Amino acid sequence: MRLWKLQLQRLADDLRMPITVCHLPPGTSKWNRIEHRLFSFITANWRGKPLISHKVIVELIAATTTDAGLKVRSQLDTNTYPAGVKVSEAELQAVNLVRHAFDGDWNCTIQPSAPPPT
């Protein structure tokens, strides 16, 4: 979570715009409409097919559609990501995170860092 916040701060700085994050608290994903609209159809689409490679999985996900017009796009992320990256307390404290009044442990906005004085 620390690295994720740090990377969101870098993205907010690069884009020069705030990024708002809203999570569903643990145990509430059963009410997440996106999960129900999307994942049930993906699961049905690959039912009975052997998931033998990343290519097969990505193609099956991308081939998912519904009668209501849902279309899924999918691509394989071939980047490598190092494990064990440590974020220092100073780096974490530098994240310009504003907790929301409602459920601030789960919902926040990361504001771009102030530009250095000129």
PDB file of N, CA and C in Angstrom:
ATOM      1  N   MET A   1       0.819  -1.188   0.000  1.00  0.00           N
ATOM      2  CA  MET A   1       0.000   0.000   0.000  1.00  0.00           C
ATOM      3  C   MET A   1       0.869   1.261   0.000  1.00  0.00           C
ATOM      4  N   ARG A   2       2.032   1.181   0.635  1.00  0.00           N
ATOM      5  CA  ARG A   2       2.911   2.340   0.704  1.00  0.00           C
ATOM      6  C   ARG A   2       3.436   2.710  -0.688  1.00  0.00           C
ATOM      7  N   LEU A   3       3.909   1.707  -1.427  1.00  0.00           N
ATOM      8  CA  LEU A   3       4.433   1.953  -2.767  1.00  0.00           C
ATOM      9  C   LEU A   3       3.320   2.441  -3.693  1.00  0.00           C
ATOM     10  N   TRP A   4       2.137   1.866  -3.537  1.00  0.00           N
ATOM     11  CA  TRP A   4       0.991   2.271  -4.361  1.00  0.00           C
ATOM     12  C   TRP A   4       0.680   3.753  -4.149  1.00  0.00           C
ATOM     13  N   LYS A   5       0.674   4.211  -2.899  1.00  0.00           N
ATOM     14  CA  LYS A   5       0.415   5.625  -2.608  1.00  0.00           C
ATOM     15  C   LYS A   5       1.513   6.502  -3.199  1.00  0.00           C
ATOM     16  N   LEU A   6       2.756   6.064  -3.057  1.00  0.00           N
ATOM     17  CA  LEU A   6       3.875   6.837  -3.602  1.00  0.00           C
ATOM     18  C   LEU A   6       3.767   6.948  -5.120  1.00  0.00           C
ATOM     19  N   GLN A   7       3.434   5.849  -5.787  1.00  0.00           N
ATOM     20  CA  GLN A   7       3.307   5.873  -7.246  1.00  0.00           C
ATOM     21  C   GLN A   7       2.107   6.738  -7.687  1.00  0.00           C
ATOM     22  N   LEU A   8       1.014   6.698  -6.925  1.00  0.00           N
ATOM     23  CA  LEU A   8      -0.123   7.582  -7.242  1.00  0.00           C
ATOM     24  C   LEU A   8       0.271   9.045  -7.085  1.00  0.00           C
ATOM     25  N   GLN A   9       1.100   9.347  -6.073  1.00  0.00           N
ATOM     26  CA  GLN A   9       1.586  10.723  -5.906  1.00  0.00           C
ATOM     27  C   GLN A   9       2.394  11.148  -7.129  1.00  0.00           C
ATOM     28  N   ARG A  10       3.255  10.267  -7.600  1.00  0.00           N
ATOM     29  CA  ARG A  10       4.057  10.594  -8.790  1.00  0.00           C
ATOM     30  C   ARG A  10       3.164  10.811 -10.009  1.00  0.00           C
ATOM     31  N   LEU A  11       2.116   9.981 -10.151  1.00  0.00           N
ATOM     32  CA  LEU A  11       1.183  10.161 -11.268  1.00  0.00           C
ATOM     33  C   LEU A  11       0.431  11.482 -11.139  1.00  0.00           C
ATOM     34  N   ALA A  12      -0.042  11.814  -9.936  1.00  0.00           N
ATOM     35  CA  ALA A  12      -0.740  13.088  -9.718  1.00  0.00           C
ATOM     36  C   ALA A  12       0.180  14.262 -10.048  1.00  0.00           C
ATOM     37  N   ASP A  13       1.448  14.149  -9.663  1.00  0.00           N
ATOM     38  CA  ASP A  13       2.414  15.202  -9.979  1.00  0.00           C
ATOM     39  C   ASP A  13       2.640  15.310 -11.480  1.00  0.00           C
ATOM     40  N   ASP A  14       2.802  14.156 -12.152  1.00  0.00           N
ATOM     41  CA  ASP A  14       3.028  14.164 -13.605  1.00  0.00           C
ATOM     42  C   ASP A  14       1.830  14.750 -14.346  1.00  0.00           C
ATOM     43  N   LEU A  15       0.627  14.373 -13.917  1.00  0.00           N
ATOM     44  CA  LEU A  15      -0.596  14.844 -14.581  1.00  0.00           C
ATOM     45  C   LEU A  15      -1.003  16.239 -14.134  1.00  0.00           C
ATOM     46  N   ARG A  16      -0.428  16.675 -13.009  1.00  0.00           N
ATOM     47  CA  ARG A  16      -0.780  17.959 -12.391  1.00  0.00           C
ATOM     48  C   ARG A  16      -2.268  18.042 -12.094  1.00  0.00           C
ATOM     49  N   MET A  17      -2.790  16.927 -11.589  1.00  0.00           N
ATOM     50  CA  MET A  17      -4.196  16.895 -11.202  1.00  0.00           C
ATOM     51  C   MET A  17      -4.396  15.920 -10.051  1.00  0.00           C
ATOM     52  N   PRO A  18      -5.420  16.158  -9.234  1.00  0.00           N
ATOM     53  CA  PRO A  18      -5.669  15.251  -8.111  1.00  0.00           C
ATOM     54  C   PRO A  18      -6.203  13.911  -8.584  1.00  0.00           C
ATOM     55  N   ILE A  19      -5.938  12.888  -7.786  1.00  0.00           N
ATOM     56  CA  ILE A  19      -6.440  11.540  -8.053  1.00  0.00           C
ATOM     57  C   ILE A  19      -7.262  11.115  -6.844  1.00  0.00           C
ATOM     58  N   THR A  20      -8.528  10.806  -7.074  1.00  0.00           N
ATOM     59  CA  THR A  20      -9.408  10.366  -5.997  1.00  0.00           C
ATOM     60  C   THR A  20      -9.535   8.858  -6.039  1.00  0.00           C
ATOM     61  N   VAL A  21      -9.388   8.249  -4.872  1.00  0.00           N
ATOM     62  CA  VAL A  21      -9.459   6.797  -4.738  1.00  0.00           C
ATOM     63  C   VAL A  21     -10.595   6.476  -3.773  1.00  0.00           C
ATOM     64  N   CYS A  22     -11.499   5.626  -4.209  1.00  0.00           N
ATOM     65  CA  CYS A  22     -12.589   5.172  -3.350  1.00  0.00           C
ATOM     66  C   CYS A  22     -12.613   3.653  -3.382  1.00  0.00           C
ATOM     67  N   HIS A  23     -12.422   3.059  -2.230  1.00  0.00           N
ATOM     68  CA  HIS A  23     -12.419   1.601  -2.101  1.00  0.00           C
ATOM     69  C   HIS A  23     -13.730   1.140  -1.493  1.00  0.00           C
ATOM     70  N   LEU A  24     -14.066  -0.082  -1.789  1.00  0.00           N
ATOM     71  CA  LEU A  24     -15.123  -0.736  -1.034  1.00  0.00           C
ATOM     72  C   LEU A  24     -14.446  -1.423   0.146  1.00  0.00           C
ATOM     73  N   PRO A  25     -14.943  -1.208   1.356  1.00  0.00           N
ATOM     74  CA  PRO A  25     -14.324  -1.858   2.517  1.00  0.00           C
ATOM     75  C   PRO A  25     -14.376  -3.382   2.400  1.00  0.00           C
ATOM     76  N   PRO A  26     -13.523  -4.091   3.134  1.00  0.00           N
ATOM     77  CA  PRO A  26     -13.516  -5.550   3.062  1.00  0.00           C
ATOM     78  C   PRO A  26     -14.906  -6.131   3.322  1.00  0.00           C
ATOM     79  N   GLY A  27     -15.222  -7.161   2.585  1.00  0.00           N
ATOM     80  CA  GLY A  27     -16.495  -7.845   2.778  1.00  0.00           C
ATOM     81  C   GLY A  27     -17.664  -7.231   2.043  1.00  0.00           C
ATOM     82  N   THR A  28     -17.437  -6.126   1.330  1.00  0.00           N
ATOM     83  CA  THR A  28     -18.558  -5.474   0.651  1.00  0.00           C
ATOM     84  C   THR A  28     -18.520  -5.632  -0.859  1.00  0.00           C
ATOM     85  N   SER A  29     -17.556  -6.387  -1.391  1.00  0.00           N
ATOM     86  CA  SER A  29     -17.466  -6.503  -2.845  1.00  0.00           C
ATOM     87  C   SER A  29     -18.691  -7.173  -3.442  1.00  0.00           C
ATOM     88  N   LYS A  30     -19.466  -7.872  -2.609  1.00  0.00           N
ATOM     89  CA  LYS A  30     -20.680  -8.495  -3.141  1.00  0.00           C
ATOM     90  C   LYS A  30     -21.665  -7.449  -3.658  1.00  0.00           C
ATOM     91  N   TRP A  31     -21.490  -6.183  -3.242  1.00  0.00           N
ATOM     92  CA  TRP A  31     -22.371  -5.113  -3.730  1.00  0.00           C
ATOM     93  C   TRP A  31     -21.738  -4.321  -4.862  1.00  0.00           C
ATOM     94  N   ASN A  32     -20.553  -4.719  -5.302  1.00  0.00           N
ATOM     95  CA  ASN A  32     -19.858  -4.004  -6.360  1.00  0.00           C
ATOM     96  C   ASN A  32     -20.476  -4.398  -7.701  1.00  0.00           C
ATOM     97  N   ARG A  33     -21.229  -3.490  -8.299  1.00  0.00           N
ATOM     98  CA  ARG A  33     -21.943  -3.775  -9.550  1.00  0.00           C
ATOM     99  C   ARG A  33     -20.993  -4.098 -10.693  1.00  0.00           C
ATOM    100  N   ILE A  34     -19.829  -3.462 -10.704  1.00  0.00           N
ATOM    101  CA  ILE A  34     -18.878  -3.723 -11.790  1.00  0.00           C
ATOM    102  C   ILE A  34     -18.417  -5.176 -11.727  1.00  0.00           C
ATOM    103  N   GLU A  35     -18.091  -5.651 -10.531  1.00  0.00           N
ATOM    104  CA  GLU A  35     -17.663  -7.045 -10.419  1.00  0.00           C
ATOM    105  C   GLU A  35     -18.747  -7.986 -10.914  1.00  0.00           C
ATOM    106  N   HIS A  36     -19.985  -7.718 -10.560  1.00  0.00           N
ATOM    107  CA  HIS A  36     -21.069  -8.619 -10.959  1.00  0.00           C
ATOM    108  C   HIS A  36     -21.357  -8.535 -12.456  1.00  0.00           C
ATOM    109  N   ARG A  37     -21.260  -7.327 -13.023  1.00  0.00           N
ATOM    110  CA  ARG A  37     -21.525  -7.170 -14.450  1.00  0.00           C
ATOM    111  C   ARG A  37     -20.398  -7.736 -15.293  1.00  0.00           C
ATOM    112  N   LEU A  38     -19.189  -7.722 -14.780  1.00  0.00           N
ATOM    113  CA  LEU A  38     -18.035  -8.103 -15.586  1.00  0.00           C
ATOM    114  C   LEU A  38     -17.562  -9.528 -15.316  1.00  0.00           C
ATOM    115  N   PHE A  39     -17.224  -9.830 -14.089  1.00  0.00           N
ATOM    116  CA  PHE A  39     -16.523 -11.080 -13.809  1.00  0.00           C
ATOM    117  C   PHE A  39     -17.392 -12.313 -14.006  1.00  0.00           C
ATOM    118  N   SER A  40     -18.686 -12.193 -13.782  1.00  0.00           N
ATOM    119  CA  SER A  40     -19.531 -13.370 -14.003  1.00  0.00           C
ATOM    120  C   SER A  40     -19.543 -13.755 -15.480  1.00  0.00           C
ATOM    121  N   PHE A  41     -19.485 -12.764 -16.362  1.00  0.00           N
ATOM    122  CA  PHE A  41     -19.481 -13.057 -17.800  1.00  0.00           C
ATOM    123  C   PHE A  41     -18.121 -13.579 -18.254  1.00  0.00           C
ATOM    124  N   ILE A  42     -17.047 -13.053 -17.682  1.00  0.00           N
ATOM    125  CA  ILE A  42     -15.723 -13.586 -18.009  1.00  0.00           C
ATOM    126  C   ILE A  42     -15.633 -15.045 -17.593  1.00  0.00           C
ATOM    127  N   THR A  43     -16.094 -15.335 -16.378  1.00  0.00           N
ATOM    128  CA  THR A  43     -16.070 -16.708 -15.882  1.00  0.00           C
ATOM    129  C   THR A  43     -16.888 -17.632 -16.771  1.00  0.00           C
ATOM    130  N   ALA A  44     -18.060 -17.178 -17.177  1.00  0.00           N
ATOM    131  CA  ALA A  44     -18.912 -17.998 -18.051  1.00  0.00           C
ATOM    132  C   ALA A  44     -18.247 -18.205 -19.408  1.00  0.00           C
ATOM    133  N   ASN A  45     -17.543 -17.178 -19.895  1.00  0.00           N
ATOM    134  CA  ASN A  45     -16.918 -17.255 -21.213  1.00  0.00           C
ATOM    135  C   ASN A  45     -15.773 -18.271 -21.246  1.00  0.00           C
ATOM    136  N   TRP A  46     -15.036 -18.423 -20.146  1.00  0.00           N
ATOM    137  CA  TRP A  46     -13.908 -19.353 -20.192  1.00  0.00           C
ATOM    138  C   TRP A  46     -14.225 -20.680 -19.508  1.00  0.00           C
ATOM    139  N   ARG A  47     -15.468 -20.877 -19.123  1.00  0.00           N
ATOM    140  CA  ARG A  47     -15.872 -22.131 -18.488  1.00  0.00           C
ATOM    141  C   ARG A  47     -15.565 -23.315 -19.397  1.00  0.00           C
ATOM    142  N   GLY A  48     -14.901 -24.305 -18.846  1.00  0.00           N
ATOM    143  CA  GLY A  48     -14.601 -25.528 -19.574  1.00  0.00           C
ATOM    144  C   GLY A  48     -13.424 -25.419 -20.514  1.00  0.00           C
ATOM    145  N   LYS A  49     -12.779 -24.263 -20.577  1.00  0.00           N
ATOM    146  CA  LYS A  49     -11.620 -24.103 -21.462  1.00  0.00           C
ATOM    147  C   LYS A  49     -10.353 -24.138 -20.615  1.00  0.00           C
ATOM    148  N   PRO A  50      -9.352 -24.887 -21.021  1.00  0.00           N
ATOM    149  CA  PRO A  50      -8.116 -24.929 -20.244  1.00  0.00           C
ATOM    150  C   PRO A  50      -7.354 -23.606 -20.341  1.00  0.00           C
ATOM    151  N   LEU A  51      -7.019 -23.053 -19.192  1.00  0.00           N
ATOM    152  CA  LEU A  51      -6.278 -21.787 -19.137  1.00  0.00           C
ATOM    153  C   LEU A  51      -4.791 -22.120 -19.130  1.00  0.00           C
ATOM    154  N   ILE A  52      -4.275 -22.422 -20.324  1.00  0.00           N
ATOM    155  CA  ILE A  52      -2.933 -22.990 -20.433  1.00  0.00           C
ATOM    156  C   ILE A  52      -1.825 -21.961 -20.619  1.00  0.00           C
ATOM    157  N   SER A  53      -2.196 -20.704 -20.905  1.00  0.00           N
ATOM    158  CA  SER A  53      -1.167 -19.679 -21.084  1.00  0.00           C
ATOM    159  C   SER A  53      -1.779 -18.305 -20.833  1.00  0.00           C
ATOM    160  N   HIS A  54      -0.896 -17.347 -20.626  1.00  0.00           N
ATOM    161  CA  HIS A  54      -1.377 -15.972 -20.472  1.00  0.00           C
ATOM    162  C   HIS A  54      -2.130 -15.527 -21.720  1.00  0.00           C
ATOM    163  N   LYS A  55      -1.616 -15.920 -22.896  1.00  0.00           N
ATOM    164  CA  LYS A  55      -2.248 -15.532 -24.160  1.00  0.00           C
ATOM    165  C   LYS A  55      -3.696 -16.032 -24.216  1.00  0.00           C
ATOM    166  N   VAL A  56      -3.920 -17.270 -23.845  1.00  0.00           N
ATOM    167  CA  VAL A  56      -5.271 -17.840 -23.862  1.00  0.00           C
ATOM    168  C   VAL A  56      -6.171 -17.078 -22.898  1.00  0.00           C
ATOM    169  N   ILE A  57      -5.675 -16.792 -21.701  1.00  0.00           N
ATOM    170  CA  ILE A  57      -6.472 -16.078 -20.704  1.00  0.00           C
ATOM    171  C   ILE A  57      -6.851 -14.686 -21.209  1.00  0.00           C
ATOM    172  N   VAL A  58      -5.878 -13.950 -21.722  1.00  0.00           N
ATOM    173  CA  VAL A  58      -6.142 -12.595 -22.211  1.00  0.00           C
ATOM    174  C   VAL A  58      -7.132 -12.617 -23.374  1.00  0.00           C
ATOM    175  N   GLU A  59      -6.986 -13.570 -24.287  1.00  0.00           N
ATOM    176  CA  GLU A  59      -7.903 -13.658 -25.421  1.00  0.00           C
ATOM    177  C   GLU A  59      -9.318 -14.025 -24.985  1.00  0.00           C
ATOM    178  N   LEU A  60      -9.452 -14.911 -24.008  1.00  0.00           N
ATOM    179  CA  LEU A  60     -10.780 -15.263 -23.510  1.00  0.00           C
ATOM    180  C   LEU A  60     -11.437 -14.083 -22.798  1.00  0.00           C
ATOM    181  N   ILE A  61     -10.659 -13.347 -22.025  1.00  0.00           N
ATOM    182  CA  ILE A  61     -11.210 -12.162 -21.368  1.00  0.00           C
ATOM    183  C   ILE A  61     -11.653 -11.149 -22.424  1.00  0.00           C
ATOM    184  N   ALA A  62     -10.816 -10.907 -23.427  1.00  0.00           N
ATOM    185  CA  ALA A  62     -11.120  -9.917 -24.461  1.00  0.00           C
ATOM    186  C   ALA A  62     -12.306 -10.319 -25.319  1.00  0.00           C
ATOM    187  N   ALA A  63     -12.619 -11.606 -25.393  1.00  0.00           N
ATOM    188  CA  ALA A  63     -13.738 -12.075 -26.212  1.00  0.00           C
ATOM    189  C   ALA A  63     -15.076 -12.014 -25.460  1.00  0.00           C
ATOM    190  N   THR A  64     -15.069 -11.520 -24.238  1.00  0.00           N
ATOM    191  CA  THR A  64     -16.287 -11.483 -23.427  1.00  0.00           C
ATOM    192  C   THR A  64     -17.201 -10.346 -23.865  1.00  0.00           C
ATOM    193  N   THR A  65     -18.461 -10.679 -24.115  1.00  0.00           N
ATOM    194  CA  THR A  65     -19.492  -9.684 -24.437  1.00  0.00           C
ATOM    195  C   THR A  65     -20.798 -10.125 -23.769  1.00  0.00           C
ATOM    196  N   THR A  66     -21.756  -9.204 -23.719  1.00  0.00           N
ATOM    197  CA  THR A  66     -23.088  -9.546 -23.201  1.00  0.00           C
ATOM    198  C   THR A  66     -24.139  -9.040 -24.180  1.00  0.00           C
ATOM    199  N   ASP A  67     -25.354  -9.541 -24.031  1.00  0.00           N
ATOM    200  CA  ASP A  67     -26.459  -9.063 -24.862  1.00  0.00           C
ATOM    201  C   ASP A  67     -26.755  -7.590 -24.608  1.00  0.00           C
ATOM    202  N   ALA A  68     -26.412  -7.100 -23.411  1.00  0.00           N
ATOM    203  CA  ALA A  68     -26.658  -5.694 -23.071  1.00  0.00           C
ATOM    204  C   ALA A  68     -25.605  -4.767 -23.676  1.00  0.00           C
ATOM    205  N   GLY A  69     -24.596  -5.318 -24.346  1.00  0.00           N
ATOM    206  CA  GLY A  69     -23.604  -4.492 -25.030  1.00  0.00           C
ATOM    207  C   GLY A  69     -22.276  -4.342 -24.316  1.00  0.00           C
ATOM    208  N   LEU A  70     -22.090  -5.058 -23.218  1.00  0.00           N
ATOM    209  CA  LEU A  70     -20.809  -5.003 -22.528  1.00  0.00           C
ATOM    210  C   LEU A  70     -19.733  -5.641 -23.395  1.00  0.00           C
ATOM    211  N   LYS A  71     -18.626  -4.926 -23.590  1.00  0.00           N
ATOM    212  CA  LYS A  71     -17.475  -5.442 -24.317  1.00  0.00           C
ATOM    213  C   LYS A  71     -16.258  -5.248 -23.432  1.00  0.00           C
ATOM    214  N   VAL A  72     -15.405  -6.229 -23.404  1.00  0.00           N
ATOM    215  CA  VAL A  72     -14.230  -6.189 -22.549  1.00  0.00           C
ATOM    216  C   VAL A  72     -12.983  -6.046 -23.400  1.00  0.00           C
ATOM    217  N   ARG A  73     -12.087  -5.165 -22.963  1.00  0.00           N
ATOM    218  CA  ARG A  73     -10.776  -5.055 -23.592  1.00  0.00           C
ATOM    219  C   ARG A  73      -9.752  -5.623 -22.636  1.00  0.00           C
ATOM    220  N   SER A  74      -8.752  -6.281 -23.166  1.00  0.00           N
ATOM    221  CA  SER A  74      -7.759  -6.928 -22.329  1.00  0.00           C
ATOM    222  C   SER A  74      -6.434  -6.974 -23.064  1.00  0.00           C
ATOM    223  N   GLN A  75      -5.355  -6.768 -22.323  1.00  0.00           N
ATOM    224  CA  GLN A  75      -4.025  -6.952 -22.901  1.00  0.00           C
ATOM    225  C   GLN A  75      -3.074  -7.392 -21.805  1.00  0.00           C
ATOM    226  N   LEU A  76      -2.075  -8.129 -22.171  1.00  0.00           N
ATOM    227  CA  LEU A  76      -1.105  -8.660 -21.238  1.00  0.00           C
ATOM    228  C   LEU A  76      -0.077  -7.587 -20.902  1.00  0.00           C
ATOM    229  N   ASP A  77       0.165  -7.391 -19.636  1.00  0.00           N
ATOM    230  CA  ASP A  77       1.200  -6.474 -19.169  1.00  0.00           C
ATOM    231  C   ASP A  77       2.493  -7.280 -19.055  1.00  0.00           C
ATOM    232  N   THR A  78       3.426  -7.021 -19.950  1.00  0.00           N
ATOM    233  CA  THR A  78       4.677  -7.786 -19.970  1.00  0.00           C
ATOM    234  C   THR A  78       5.804  -7.094 -19.201  1.00  0.00           C
ATOM    235  N   ASN A  79       5.494  -5.982 -18.552  1.00  0.00           N
ATOM    236  CA  ASN A  79       6.517  -5.300 -17.760  1.00  0.00           C
ATOM    237  C   ASN A  79       6.928  -6.175 -16.577  1.00  0.00           C
ATOM    238  N   THR A  80       8.137  -5.971 -16.111  1.00  0.00           N
ATOM    239  CA  THR A  80       8.578  -6.648 -14.898  1.00  0.00           C
ATOM    240  C   THR A  80       8.557  -5.625 -13.766  1.00  0.00           C
ATOM    241  N   TYR A  81       8.184  -6.090 -12.598  1.00  0.00           N
ATOM    242  CA  TYR A  81       8.065  -5.226 -11.442  1.00  0.00           C
ATOM    243  C   TYR A  81       8.897  -5.828 -10.314  1.00  0.00           C
ATOM    244  N   PRO A  82       9.844  -5.057  -9.789  1.00  0.00           N
ATOM    245  CA  PRO A  82      10.707  -5.597  -8.740  1.00  0.00           C
ATOM    246  C   PRO A  82       9.924  -5.854  -7.456  1.00  0.00           C
ATOM    247  N   ALA A  83      10.265  -6.924  -6.790  1.00  0.00           N
ATOM    248  CA  ALA A  83       9.649  -7.247  -5.507  1.00  0.00           C
ATOM    249  C   ALA A  83      10.471  -6.625  -4.386  1.00  0.00           C
ATOM    250  N   GLY A  84       9.820  -6.394  -3.264  1.00  0.00           N
ATOM    251  CA  GLY A  84      10.530  -5.945  -2.073  1.00  0.00           C
ATOM    252  C   GLY A  84      10.944  -4.484  -2.089  1.00  0.00           C
ATOM    253  N   VAL A  85      10.302  -3.653  -2.910  1.00  0.00           N
ATOM    254  CA  VAL A  85      10.641  -2.230  -2.939  1.00  0.00           C
ATOM    255  C   VAL A  85      10.192  -1.602  -1.626  1.00  0.00           C
ATOM    256  N   LYS A  86      11.093  -0.928  -0.965  1.00  0.00           N
ATOM    257  CA  LYS A  86      10.799  -0.306   0.329  1.00  0.00           C
ATOM    258  C   LYS A  86      10.520   1.183   0.134  1.00  0.00           C
ATOM    259  N   VAL A  87       9.484   1.657   0.804  1.00  0.00           N
ATOM    260  CA  VAL A  87       9.145   3.079   0.805  1.00  0.00           C
ATOM    261  C   VAL A  87       9.441   3.592   2.211  1.00  0.00           C
ATOM    262  N   SER A  88      10.294   4.592   2.296  1.00  0.00           N
ATOM    263  CA  SER A  88      10.683   5.120   3.604  1.00  0.00           C
ATOM    264  C   SER A  88       9.525   5.901   4.224  1.00  0.00           C
ATOM    265  N   GLU A  89       9.615   6.093   5.515  1.00  0.00           N
ATOM    266  CA  GLU A  89       8.593   6.881   6.217  1.00  0.00           C
ATOM    267  C   GLU A  89       8.561   8.305   5.681  1.00  0.00           C
ATOM    268  N   ALA A  90       9.736   8.866   5.348  1.00  0.00           N
ATOM    269  CA  ALA A  90       9.798  10.221   4.800  1.00  0.00           C
ATOM    270  C   ALA A  90       9.091  10.296   3.442  1.00  0.00           C
ATOM    271  N   GLU A  91       9.298   9.290   2.592  1.00  0.00           N
ATOM    272  CA  GLU A  91       8.623   9.266   1.292  1.00  0.00           C
ATOM    273  C   GLU A  91       7.111   9.174   1.472  1.00  0.00           C
ATOM    274  N   LEU A  92       6.676   8.335   2.411  1.00  0.00           N
ATOM    275  CA  LEU A  92       5.250   8.176   2.651  1.00  0.00           C
ATOM    276  C   LEU A  92       4.634   9.461   3.211  1.00  0.00           C
ATOM    277  N   GLN A  93       5.350  10.124   4.098  1.00  0.00           N
ATOM    278  CA  GLN A  93       4.848  11.374   4.675  1.00  0.00           C
ATOM    279  C   GLN A  93       4.760  12.482   3.619  1.00  0.00           C
ATOM    280  N   ALA A  94       5.561  12.386   2.558  1.00  0.00           N
ATOM    281  CA  ALA A  94       5.537  13.398   1.500  1.00  0.00           C
ATOM    282  C   ALA A  94       4.345  13.239   0.560  1.00  0.00           C
ATOM    283  N   VAL A  95       3.629  12.131   0.652  1.00  0.00           N
ATOM    284  CA  VAL A  95       2.438  11.937  -0.174  1.00  0.00           C
ATOM    285  C   VAL A  95       1.374  12.918   0.291  1.00  0.00           C
ATOM    286  N   ASN A  96       0.866  13.710  -0.639  1.00  0.00           N
ATOM    287  CA  ASN A  96      -0.107  14.764  -0.331  1.00  0.00           C
ATOM    288  C   ASN A  96      -1.513  14.162  -0.324  1.00  0.00           C
ATOM    289  N   LEU A  97      -1.777  13.346   0.688  1.00  0.00           N
ATOM    290  CA  LEU A  97      -3.007  12.574   0.784  1.00  0.00           C
ATOM    291  C   LEU A  97      -4.008  13.294   1.686  1.00  0.00           C
ATOM    292  N   VAL A  98      -5.216  13.483   1.161  1.00  0.00           N
ATOM    293  CA  VAL A  98      -6.293  14.098   1.927  1.00  0.00           C
ATOM    294  C   VAL A  98      -7.381  13.048   2.115  1.00  0.00           C
ATOM    295  N   ARG A  99      -7.595  12.649   3.368  1.00  0.00           N
ATOM    296  CA  ARG A  99      -8.628  11.647   3.646  1.00  0.00           C
ATOM    297  C   ARG A  99     -10.007  12.278   3.518  1.00  0.00           C
ATOM    298  N   HIS A 100     -10.943  11.515   2.977  1.00  0.00           N
ATOM    299  CA  HIS A 100     -12.321  11.989   2.854  1.00  0.00           C
ATOM    300  C   HIS A 100     -13.013  11.914   4.212  1.00  0.00           C
ATOM    301  N   ALA A 101     -14.028  12.761   4.394  1.00  0.00           N
ATOM    302  CA  ALA A 101     -14.776  12.763   5.656  1.00  0.00           C
ATOM    303  C   ALA A 101     -15.489  11.422   5.851  1.00  0.00           C
ATOM    304  N   PHE A 102     -15.994  10.860   4.764  1.00  0.00           N
ATOM    305  CA  PHE A 102     -16.669   9.568   4.855  1.00  0.00           C
ATOM    306  C   PHE A 102     -15.664   8.455   4.615  1.00  0.00           C
ATOM    307  N   ASP A 103     -15.460   7.627   5.612  1.00  0.00           N
ATOM    308  CA  ASP A 103     -14.620   6.436   5.506  1.00  0.00           C
ATOM    309  C   ASP A 103     -13.213   6.768   4.995  1.00  0.00           C
ATOM    310  N   GLY A 104     -12.581   7.708   5.676  1.00  0.00           N
ATOM    311  CA  GLY A 104     -11.262   8.197   5.264  1.00  0.00           C
ATOM    312  C   GLY A 104     -10.165   7.160   5.221  1.00  0.00           C
ATOM    313  N   ASP A 105     -10.369   6.012   5.893  1.00  0.00           N
ATOM    314  CA  ASP A 105      -9.366   4.944   5.777  1.00  0.00           C
ATOM    315  C   ASP A 105      -9.407   4.309   4.397  1.00  0.00           C
ATOM    316  N   TRP A 106     -10.530   4.446   3.705  1.00  0.00           N
ATOM    317  CA  TRP A 106     -10.703   3.805   2.401  1.00  0.00           C
ATOM    318  C   TRP A 106     -10.775   4.806   1.254  1.00  0.00           C
ATOM    319  N   ASN A 107     -11.185   6.025   1.543  1.00  0.00           N
ATOM    320  CA  ASN A 107     -11.434   7.018   0.489  1.00  0.00           C
ATOM    321  C   ASN A 107     -10.542   8.228   0.712  1.00  0.00           C
ATOM    322  N   CYS A 108      -9.816   8.626  -0.330  1.00  0.00           N
ATOM    323  CA  CYS A 108      -8.903   9.756  -0.193  1.00  0.00           C
ATOM    324  C   CYS A 108      -8.664  10.387  -1.557  1.00  0.00           C
ATOM    325  N   THR A 109      -8.056  11.552  -1.520  1.00  0.00           N
ATOM    326  CA  THR A 109      -7.608  12.220  -2.733  1.00  0.00           C
ATOM    327  C   THR A 109      -6.133  12.532  -2.562  1.00  0.00           C
ATOM    328  N   ILE A 110      -5.353  12.222  -3.569  1.00  0.00           N
ATOM    329  CA  ILE A 110      -3.933  12.550  -3.569  1.00  0.00           C
ATOM    330  C   ILE A 110      -3.773  13.767  -4.472  1.00  0.00           C
ATOM    331  N   GLN A 111      -3.413  14.871  -3.844  1.00  0.00           N
ATOM    332  CA  GLN A 111      -3.223  16.135  -4.554  1.00  0.00           C
ATOM    333  C   GLN A 111      -1.815  16.188  -5.126  1.00  0.00           C
ATOM    334  N   PRO A 112      -1.644  16.875  -6.259  1.00  0.00           N
ATOM    335  CA  PRO A 112      -0.283  17.059  -6.764  1.00  0.00           C
ATOM    336  C   PRO A 112       0.564  17.803  -5.719  1.00  0.00           C
ATOM    337  N   SER A 113       1.832  17.492  -5.661  1.00  0.00           N
ATOM    338  CA  SER A 113       2.739  18.209  -4.763  1.00  0.00           C
ATOM    339  C   SER A 113       2.854  19.647  -5.216  1.00  0.00           C
ATOM    340  N   ALA A 114       3.057  20.514  -4.261  1.00  0.00           N
ATOM    341  CA  ALA A 114       3.241  21.929  -4.609  1.00  0.00           C
ATOM    342  C   ALA A 114       4.534  22.068  -5.412  1.00  0.00           C
ATOM    343  N   PRO A 115       4.513  22.878  -6.470  1.00  0.00           N
ATOM    344  CA  PRO A 115       5.751  23.063  -7.233  1.00  0.00           C
ATOM    345  C   PRO A 115       6.789  23.774  -6.368  1.00  0.00           C
ATOM    346  N   PRO A 116       8.063  23.493  -6.601  1.00  0.00           N
ATOM    347  CA  PRO A 116       9.103  24.159  -5.800  1.00  0.00           C
ATOM    348  C   PRO A 116       9.082  25.664  -6.040  1.00  0.00           C
ATOM    349  N   PRO A 117       9.377  26.446  -5.007  1.00  0.00           N
ATOM    350  CA  PRO A 117       9.375  27.914  -5.187  1.00  0.00           C
ATOM    351  C   PRO A 117      10.432  28.349  -6.201  1.00  0.00           C
ATOM    352  N   THR A 118      10.089  29.384  -6.942  1.00  0.00           N
ATOM    353  CA  THR A 118      11.033  29.876  -7.967  1.00  0.00           C
ATOM    354  C   THR A 118      11.668  31.156  -7.542  1.00  0.00           C
TER     355      THR A 118
END
